[in-house]
PDB file of N, CA and C in Angstrom:
ATOM      1  N   MET A   1       0.837  -1.183   0.000  1.00  0.00           N
ATOM      2  CA  MET A   1       0.000   0.000   0.000  1.00  0.00           C
ATOM      3  C   MET A   1       0.884   1.250   0.000  1.00  0.00           C
ATOM      4  N   GLU A   2       0.558   2.186  -0.824  1.00  0.00           N
ATOM      5  CA  GLU A   2       1.378   3.390  -0.954  1.00  0.00           C
ATOM      6  C   GLU A   2       1.109   4.386   0.181  1.00  0.00           C
ATOM      7  N   PRO A   3       2.065   5.251   0.496  1.00  0.00           N
ATOM      8  CA  PRO A   3       1.881   6.270   1.536  1.00  0.00           C
ATOM      9  C   PRO A   3       0.769   7.249   1.144  1.00  0.00           C
ATOM     10  N   LYS A   4       0.012   7.684   2.140  1.00  0.00           N
ATOM     11  CA  LYS A   4      -1.068   8.645   1.913  1.00  0.00           C
ATOM     12  C   LYS A   4      -1.105   9.635   3.063  1.00  0.00           C
ATOM     13  N   ASP A   5      -1.661  10.810   2.792  1.00  0.00           N
ATOM     14  CA  ASP A   5      -1.853  11.830   3.817  1.00  0.00           C
ATOM     15  C   ASP A   5      -3.339  12.068   4.004  1.00  0.00           C
ATOM     16  N   TYR A   6      -3.735  12.240   5.273  1.00  0.00           N
ATOM     17  CA  TYR A   6      -5.134  12.426   5.629  1.00  0.00           C
ATOM     18  C   TYR A   6      -5.282  13.618   6.564  1.00  0.00           C
ATOM     19  N   ILE A   7      -6.504  14.134   6.633  1.00  0.00           N
ATOM     20  CA  ILE A   7      -6.885  15.140   7.622  1.00  0.00           C
ATOM     21  C   ILE A   7      -8.059  14.564   8.394  1.00  0.00           C
ATOM     22  N   VAL A   8      -8.032  14.702   9.722  1.00  0.00           N
ATOM     23  CA  VAL A   8      -9.129  14.202  10.549  1.00  0.00           C
ATOM     24  C   VAL A   8     -10.325  15.140  10.346  1.00  0.00           C
ATOM     25  N   ALA A   9     -11.362  14.617   9.695  1.00  0.00           N
ATOM     26  CA  ALA A   9     -12.530  15.421   9.351  1.00  0.00           C
ATOM     27  C   ALA A   9     -13.604  15.384  10.432  1.00  0.00           C
ATOM     28  N   LYS A  10     -13.686  14.251  11.162  1.00  0.00           N
ATOM     29  CA  LYS A  10     -14.748  14.097  12.148  1.00  0.00           C
ATOM     30  C   LYS A  10     -14.306  13.080  13.196  1.00  0.00           C
ATOM     31  N   ILE A  11     -14.670  13.333  14.443  1.00  0.00           N
ATOM     32  CA  ILE A  11     -14.428  12.371  15.520  1.00  0.00           C
ATOM     33  C   ILE A  11     -15.769  12.116  16.191  1.00  0.00           C
ATOM     34  N   GLU A  12     -16.138  10.826  16.257  1.00  0.00           N
ATOM     35  CA  GLU A  12     -17.405  10.424  16.880  1.00  0.00           C
ATOM     36  C   GLU A  12     -17.113   9.328  17.888  1.00  0.00           C
ATOM     37  N   GLY A  13     -16.928   9.705  19.137  1.00  0.00           N
ATOM     38  CA  GLY A  13     -16.629   8.733  20.184  1.00  0.00           C
ATOM     39  C   GLY A  13     -15.283   8.075  19.974  1.00  0.00           C
ATOM     40  N   GLU A  14     -15.292   6.778  19.731  1.00  0.00           N
ATOM     41  CA  GLU A  14     -14.061   5.990  19.580  1.00  0.00           C
ATOM     42  C   GLU A  14     -13.592   5.902  18.127  1.00  0.00           C
ATOM     43  N   TYR A  15     -14.253   6.598  17.208  1.00  0.00           N
ATOM     44  CA  TYR A  15     -13.934   6.485  15.785  1.00  0.00           C
ATOM     45  C   TYR A  15     -13.702   7.847  15.152  1.00  0.00           C
ATOM     46  N   ALA A  16     -12.896   7.855  14.091  1.00  0.00           N
ATOM     47  CA  ALA A  16     -12.596   9.093  13.361  1.00  0.00           C
ATOM     48  C   ALA A  16     -12.832   8.870  11.873  1.00  0.00           C
ATOM     49  N   THR A  17     -13.223   9.931  11.205  1.00  0.00           N
ATOM     50  CA  THR A  17     -13.328   9.919   9.755  1.00  0.00           C
ATOM     51  C   THR A  17     -12.140  10.693   9.221  1.00  0.00           C
ATOM     52  N   LEU A  18     -11.334  10.032   8.386  1.00  0.00           N
ATOM     53  CA  LEU A  18     -10.159  10.658   7.791  1.00  0.00           C
ATOM     54  C   LEU A  18     -10.449  10.953   6.328  1.00  0.00           C
ATOM     55  N   ARG A  19     -10.133  12.166   5.899  1.00  0.00           N
ATOM     56  CA  ARG A  19     -10.334  12.579   4.512  1.00  0.00           C
ATOM     57  C   ARG A  19      -8.979  12.673   3.829  1.00  0.00           C
ATOM     58  N   ASN A  20      -8.864  12.072   2.648  1.00  0.00           N
ATOM     59  CA  ASN A  20      -7.626  12.195   1.867  1.00  0.00           C
ATOM     60  C   ASN A  20      -7.341  13.663   1.598  1.00  0.00           C
ATOM     61  N   VAL A  21      -6.078  14.051   1.687  1.00  0.00           N
ATOM     62  CA  VAL A  21      -5.696  15.444   1.451  1.00  0.00           C
ATOM     63  C   VAL A  21      -6.063  15.871   0.032  1.00  0.00           C
ATOM     64  N   ASP A  22      -5.969  14.949  -0.918  1.00  0.00           N
ATOM     65  CA  ASP A  22      -6.295  15.286  -2.305  1.00  0.00           C
ATOM     66  C   ASP A  22      -7.800  15.251  -2.576  1.00  0.00           C
ATOM     67  N   GLY A  23      -8.604  14.935  -1.562  1.00  0.00           N
ATOM     68  CA  GLY A  23     -10.052  14.960  -1.699  1.00  0.00           C
ATOM     69  C   GLY A  23     -10.643  13.757  -2.402  1.00  0.00           C
ATOM     70  N   SER A  24      -9.866  12.691  -2.575  1.00  0.00           N
ATOM     71  CA  SER A  24     -10.342  11.547  -3.343  1.00  0.00           C
ATOM     72  C   SER A  24     -11.190  10.554  -2.547  1.00  0.00           C
ATOM     73  N   GLY A  25     -11.353  10.746  -1.255  1.00  0.00           N
ATOM     74  CA  GLY A  25     -12.182   9.825  -0.485  1.00  0.00           C
ATOM     75  C   GLY A  25     -11.995   9.960   1.010  1.00  0.00           C
ATOM     76  N   GLU A  26     -12.741   9.141   1.751  1.00  0.00           N
ATOM     77  CA  GLU A  26     -12.694   9.135   3.207  1.00  0.00           C
ATOM     78  C   GLU A  26     -12.611   7.709   3.715  1.00  0.00           C
ATOM     79  N   ILE A  27     -12.058   7.557   4.927  1.00  0.00           N
ATOM     80  CA  ILE A  27     -12.062   6.262   5.596  1.00  0.00           C
ATOM     81  C   ILE A  27     -12.533   6.462   7.039  1.00  0.00           C
ATOM     82  N   PHE A  28     -13.083   5.422   7.631  1.00  0.00           N
ATOM     83  CA  PHE A  28     -13.586   5.408   9.001  1.00  0.00           C
ATOM     84  C   PHE A  28     -12.678   4.481   9.784  1.00  0.00           C
ATOM     85  N   ILE A  29     -12.072   4.964  10.881  1.00  0.00           N
ATOM     86  CA  ILE A  29     -11.059   4.181  11.590  1.00  0.00           C
ATOM     87  C   ILE A  29     -11.166   4.392  13.102  1.00  0.00           C
ATOM     88  N   ALA A  30     -10.786   3.371  13.865  1.00  0.00           N
ATOM     89  CA  ALA A  30     -10.794   3.450  15.329  1.00  0.00           C
ATOM     90  C   ALA A  30      -9.703   4.408  15.805  1.00  0.00           C
ATOM     91  N   MET A  31     -10.031   5.234  16.782  1.00  0.00           N
ATOM     92  CA  MET A  31      -9.065   6.183  17.348  1.00  0.00           C
ATOM     93  C   MET A  31      -7.867   5.457  17.960  1.00  0.00           C
ATOM     94  N   ALA A  32      -8.057   4.230  18.427  1.00  0.00           N
ATOM     95  CA  ALA A  32      -6.970   3.465  19.041  1.00  0.00           C
ATOM     96  C   ALA A  32      -5.834   3.194  18.057  1.00  0.00           C
ATOM     97  N   LEU A  33      -6.107   3.241  16.772  1.00  0.00           N
ATOM     98  CA  LEU A  33      -5.079   3.001  15.758  1.00  0.00           C
ATOM     99  C   LEU A  33      -4.321   4.270  15.367  1.00  0.00           C
ATOM    100  N   LEU A  34      -4.778   5.413  15.877  1.00  0.00           N
ATOM    101  CA  LEU A  34      -4.152   6.692  15.545  1.00  0.00           C
ATOM    102  C   LEU A  34      -3.196   7.115  16.652  1.00  0.00           C
ATOM    103  N   PRO A  35      -2.199   7.949  16.323  1.00  0.00           N
ATOM    104  CA  PRO A  35      -1.216   8.347  17.346  1.00  0.00           C
ATOM    105  C   PRO A  35      -1.829   9.222  18.436  1.00  0.00           C
ATOM    106  N   PRO A  36      -1.252   9.173  19.646  1.00  0.00           N
ATOM    107  CA  PRO A  36      -1.713  10.041  20.735  1.00  0.00           C
ATOM    108  C   PRO A  36      -1.636  11.506  20.308  1.00  0.00           C
ATOM    109  N   GLY A  37      -2.611  12.283  20.704  1.00  0.00           N
ATOM    110  CA  GLY A  37      -2.633  13.697  20.355  1.00  0.00           C
ATOM    111  C   GLY A  37      -3.424  13.999  19.096  1.00  0.00           C
ATOM    112  N   THR A  38      -3.940  12.975  18.436  1.00  0.00           N
ATOM    113  CA  THR A  38      -4.750  13.184  17.238  1.00  0.00           C
ATOM    114  C   THR A  38      -6.038  13.884  17.626  1.00  0.00           C
ATOM    115  N   ASP A  39      -6.383  14.952  16.903  1.00  0.00           N
ATOM    116  CA  ASP A  39      -7.576  15.734  17.187  1.00  0.00           C
ATOM    117  C   ASP A  39      -8.205  16.172  15.868  1.00  0.00           C
ATOM    118  N   LEU A  40      -9.362  16.770  15.953  1.00  0.00           N
ATOM    119  CA  LEU A  40     -10.054  17.270  14.774  1.00  0.00           C
ATOM    120  C   LEU A  40      -9.144  18.239  14.016  1.00  0.00           C
ATOM    121  N   GLY A  41      -8.972  18.030  12.724  1.00  0.00           N
ATOM    122  CA  GLY A  41      -8.120  18.885  11.904  1.00  0.00           C
ATOM    123  C   GLY A  41      -6.665  18.447  11.840  1.00  0.00           C
ATOM    124  N   SER A  42      -6.288  17.426  12.618  1.00  0.00           N
ATOM    125  CA  SER A  42      -4.901  16.936  12.580  1.00  0.00           C
ATOM    126  C   SER A  42      -4.579  16.373  11.203  1.00  0.00           C
ATOM    127  N   ARG A  43      -3.339  16.539  10.789  1.00  0.00           N
ATOM    128  CA  ARG A  43      -2.875  15.960   9.531  1.00  0.00           C
ATOM    129  C   ARG A  43      -2.063  14.709   9.854  1.00  0.00           C
ATOM    130  N   LEU A  44      -2.392  13.611   9.186  1.00  0.00           N
ATOM    131  CA  LEU A  44      -1.755  12.325   9.440  1.00  0.00           C
ATOM    132  C   LEU A  44      -1.105  11.789   8.176  1.00  0.00           C
ATOM    133  N   HIS A  45       0.011  11.107   8.360  1.00  0.00           N
ATOM    134  CA  HIS A  45       0.697  10.437   7.257  1.00  0.00           C
ATOM    135  C   HIS A  45       0.607   8.939   7.521  1.00  0.00           C
ATOM    136  N   TYR A  46       0.162   8.178   6.505  1.00  0.00           N
ATOM    137  CA  TYR A  46       0.022   6.729   6.626  1.00  0.00           C
ATOM    138  C   TYR A  46       1.048   6.048   5.737  1.00  0.00           C
ATOM    139  N   GLU A  47       1.846   5.168   6.361  1.00  0.00           N
ATOM    140  CA  GLU A  47       2.830   4.402   5.611  1.00  0.00           C
ATOM    141  C   GLU A  47       3.196   3.166   6.425  1.00  0.00           C
ATOM    142  N   MET A  48       3.310   2.031   5.755  1.00  0.00           N
ATOM    143  CA  MET A  48       3.694   0.761   6.394  1.00  0.00           C
ATOM    144  C   MET A  48       2.786   0.441   7.599  1.00  0.00           C
ATOM    145  N   PHE A  49       1.476   0.594   7.431  1.00  0.00           N
ATOM    146  CA  PHE A  49       0.470   0.282   8.439  1.00  0.00           C
ATOM    147  C   PHE A  49       0.600   1.129   9.702  1.00  0.00           C
ATOM    148  N   THR A  50       1.212   2.309   9.582  1.00  0.00           N
ATOM    149  CA  THR A  50       1.401   3.193  10.733  1.00  0.00           C
ATOM    150  C   THR A  50       0.975   4.615  10.378  1.00  0.00           C
ATOM    151  N   TYR A  51       0.245   5.256  11.309  1.00  0.00           N
ATOM    152  CA  TYR A  51      -0.144   6.656  11.160  1.00  0.00           C
ATOM    153  C   TYR A  51       0.778   7.503  12.034  1.00  0.00           C
ATOM    154  N   THR A  52       1.245   8.622  11.486  1.00  0.00           N
ATOM    155  CA  THR A  52       2.046   9.576  12.267  1.00  0.00           C
ATOM    156  C   THR A  52       1.486  10.970  12.071  1.00  0.00           C
ATOM    157  N   LEU A  53       1.577  11.791  13.120  1.00  0.00           N
ATOM    158  CA  LEU A  53       1.157  13.188  13.016  1.00  0.00           C
ATOM    159  C   LEU A  53       2.183  13.977  12.216  1.00  0.00           C
ATOM    160  N   VAL A  54       1.679  14.840  11.371  1.00  0.00           N
ATOM    161  CA  VAL A  54       2.581  15.670  10.547  1.00  0.00           C
ATOM    162  C   VAL A  54       2.534  17.078  11.089  1.00  0.00           C
TER     163      VAL A  54
END
């Protein structure tokens, strides 16, 4: 899977909606899989099954 960048568009309890920076789509993911400190509007980089804050 290729590296991608996301912006946290919505947080609903234990889950977040991430929007591709290029606007090509969204994914729904558990907050437990995201790095500590992730909040609404955070920018995330996904690579090798790991999310990091940018």
